[in-house]
Amino acid sequence: MVPPALYLPLIDNPDSEGQMAVVRRLADGRMGLLAYTALDRLADKCGTRQPWMLLMTSELGRIQAGQPFDVVAFDLDVPASHRADGRLA
């Protein structure tokens, strides 16, 4: 069951001064949008200083239009090697 809203970690957009959602290549080669079903899970798995946004699930198409992804990766545990200073590196 998919929740009505998701917490998306944000990273700096290299093409602008804003931020963007996190889309990463997964172990199986697909592109996955990182999404968390609760704010405490995002903090536990991405870091306590991780910027985030709350997005209604019905708005996922808006993210996909600008950042194509194959799957939504729910509550993914981000390895410590991919984090720095309490946030995604």
C-alpha atoms as a PDB file:
ATOM      1  CA  MET A   1       0.000   0.000   0.000  1.00  0.00           C
ATOM      2  CA  VAL A   2       1.374   3.406  -0.991  1.00  0.00           C
ATOM      3  CA  PRO A   3       0.971   6.230   1.541  1.00  0.00           C
ATOM      4  CA  PRO A   4      -0.774   9.468   0.508  1.00  0.00           C
ATOM      5  CA  ALA A   5       2.386  11.521   1.086  1.00  0.00           C
ATOM      6  CA  LEU A   6       6.123  10.867   0.930  1.00  0.00           C
ATOM      7  CA  TYR A   7       9.205  12.549   2.342  1.00  0.00           C
ATOM      8  CA  LEU A   8      11.781  13.115  -0.393  1.00  0.00           C
ATOM      9  CA  PRO A   9      15.412  13.889   0.440  1.00  0.00           C
ATOM     10  CA  LEU A  10      16.778  16.864  -1.484  1.00  0.00           C
ATOM     11  CA  ILE A  11      20.218  17.623  -2.897  1.00  0.00           C
ATOM     12  CA  ASP A  12      21.628  20.775  -4.454  1.00  0.00           C
ATOM     13  CA  ASN A  13      20.766  21.104  -8.133  1.00  0.00           C
ATOM     14  CA  PRO A  14      24.051  21.477 -10.048  1.00  0.00           C
ATOM     15  CA  ASP A  15      22.233  23.392 -12.819  1.00  0.00           C
ATOM     16  CA  SER A  16      20.598  26.027 -10.617  1.00  0.00           C
ATOM     17  CA  GLU A  17      20.614  27.542  -7.154  1.00  0.00           C
ATOM     18  CA  GLY A  18      17.710  25.358  -6.028  1.00  0.00           C
ATOM     19  CA  GLN A  19      17.391  21.809  -4.798  1.00  0.00           C
ATOM     20  CA  MET A  20      16.096  18.649  -6.423  1.00  0.00           C
ATOM     21  CA  ALA A  21      14.873  15.206  -5.443  1.00  0.00           C
ATOM     22  CA  VAL A  22      17.360  12.331  -5.300  1.00  0.00           C
ATOM     23  CA  VAL A  23      17.332   9.854  -8.197  1.00  0.00           C
ATOM     24  CA  ARG A  24      20.096   7.250  -8.070  1.00  0.00           C
ATOM     25  CA  ARG A  25      21.058   4.165 -10.037  1.00  0.00           C
ATOM     26  CA  LEU A  26      20.076   1.090  -8.030  1.00  0.00           C
ATOM     27  CA  ALA A  27      21.996  -2.189  -7.801  1.00  0.00           C
ATOM     28  CA  ASP A  28      19.788  -3.698 -10.531  1.00  0.00           C
ATOM     29  CA  GLY A  29      20.541  -0.814 -12.927  1.00  0.00           C
ATOM     30  CA  ARG A  30      17.172   0.923 -12.682  1.00  0.00           C
ATOM     31  CA  MET A  31      16.906   4.565 -11.665  1.00  0.00           C
ATOM     32  CA  GLY A  32      15.192   4.957  -8.308  1.00  0.00           C
ATOM     33  CA  LEU A  33      13.621   7.996  -6.679  1.00  0.00           C
ATOM     34  CA  LEU A  34      14.482   7.953  -2.976  1.00  0.00           C
ATOM     35  CA  ALA A  35      11.304   8.350  -0.914  1.00  0.00           C
ATOM     36  CA  TYR A  36      10.550   7.785   2.753  1.00  0.00           C
ATOM     37  CA  THR A  37       7.239   6.939   4.361  1.00  0.00           C
ATOM     38  CA  ALA A  38       8.021   8.782   7.600  1.00  0.00           C
ATOM     39  CA  LEU A  39      10.285  11.673   8.533  1.00  0.00           C
ATOM     40  CA  ASP A  40      12.084   9.689  11.238  1.00  0.00           C
ATOM     41  CA  ARG A  41      12.972   7.010   8.659  1.00  0.00           C
ATOM     42  CA  LEU A  42      14.434   9.651   6.352  1.00  0.00           C
ATOM     43  CA  ALA A  43      16.542  11.032   9.222  1.00  0.00           C
ATOM     44  CA  ASP A  44      17.679   7.534  10.286  1.00  0.00           C
ATOM     45  CA  LYS A  45      18.631   6.430   6.777  1.00  0.00           C
ATOM     46  CA  CYS A  46      19.895   9.677   5.180  1.00  0.00           C
ATOM     47  CA  GLY A  47      21.119  11.700   8.158  1.00  0.00           C
ATOM     48  CA  THR A  48      19.645  14.084  10.689  1.00  0.00           C
ATOM     49  CA  ARG A  49      20.711  17.184   8.706  1.00  0.00           C
ATOM     50  CA  GLN A  50      19.196  15.957   5.435  1.00  0.00           C
ATOM     51  CA  PRO A  51      17.027  18.557   3.636  1.00  0.00           C
ATOM     52  CA  TRP A  52      13.656  17.172   2.575  1.00  0.00           C
ATOM     53  CA  MET A  53      10.269  17.995   1.109  1.00  0.00           C
ATOM     54  CA  LEU A  54       6.826  16.541   1.695  1.00  0.00           C
ATOM     55  CA  LEU A  55       5.148  15.468  -1.549  1.00  0.00           C
ATOM     56  CA  MET A  56       1.681  14.097  -2.084  1.00  0.00           C
ATOM     57  CA  THR A  57       1.964  10.741  -3.857  1.00  0.00           C
ATOM     58  CA  SER A  58      -0.412  12.025  -6.528  1.00  0.00           C
ATOM     59  CA  GLU A  59       2.282  14.595  -7.474  1.00  0.00           C
ATOM     60  CA  LEU A  60       5.019  12.041  -8.304  1.00  0.00           C
ATOM     61  CA  GLY A  61       4.467  12.694 -12.016  1.00  0.00           C
ATOM     62  CA  ARG A  62       5.664  16.272 -11.515  1.00  0.00           C
ATOM     63  CA  ILE A  63       8.998  14.984 -10.185  1.00  0.00           C
ATOM     64  CA  GLN A  64       9.290  12.352 -12.918  1.00  0.00           C
ATOM     65  CA  ALA A  65       8.749  14.962 -15.641  1.00  0.00           C
ATOM     66  CA  GLY A  66      11.946  16.743 -14.611  1.00  0.00           C
ATOM     67  CA  GLN A  67      13.906  13.821 -13.185  1.00  0.00           C
ATOM     68  CA  PRO A  68      13.018  10.535 -14.908  1.00  0.00           C
ATOM     69  CA  PHE A  69      13.023   7.438 -12.699  1.00  0.00           C
ATOM     70  CA  ASP A  70      11.970   3.804 -13.125  1.00  0.00           C
ATOM     71  CA  VAL A  71      10.885   3.018  -9.574  1.00  0.00           C
ATOM     72  CA  VAL A  72      10.238   4.667  -6.240  1.00  0.00           C
ATOM     73  CA  ALA A  73      12.751   3.287  -3.731  1.00  0.00           C
ATOM     74  CA  PHE A  74      10.854   3.352  -0.432  1.00  0.00           C
ATOM     75  CA  ASP A  75      12.781   3.718   2.842  1.00  0.00           C
ATOM     76  CA  LEU A  76      16.146   2.862   1.264  1.00  0.00           C
ATOM     77  CA  ASP A  77      19.019   2.580   3.731  1.00  0.00           C
ATOM     78  CA  VAL A  78      21.759   4.856   2.375  1.00  0.00           C
ATOM     79  CA  PRO A  79      25.225   3.517   3.291  1.00  0.00           C
ATOM     80  CA  ALA A  80      27.382   5.718   5.513  1.00  0.00           C
ATOM     81  CA  SER A  81      29.892   5.951   2.648  1.00  0.00           C
ATOM     82  CA  HIS A  82      27.274   7.968   0.714  1.00  0.00           C
ATOM     83  CA  ARG A  83      26.617  10.410   3.579  1.00  0.00           C
ATOM     84  CA  ALA A  84      28.636  13.267   5.038  1.00  0.00           C
ATOM     85  CA  ASP A  85      27.932  15.794   7.777  1.00  0.00           C
ATOM     86  CA  GLY A  86      24.528  14.289   8.585  1.00  0.00           C
ATOM     87  CA  ARG A  87      23.208  14.320   5.019  1.00  0.00           C
ATOM     88  CA  LEU A  88      23.576  12.701   1.604  1.00  0.00           C
ATOM     89  CA  ALA A  89      26.931  13.349  -0.028  1.00  0.00           C
END
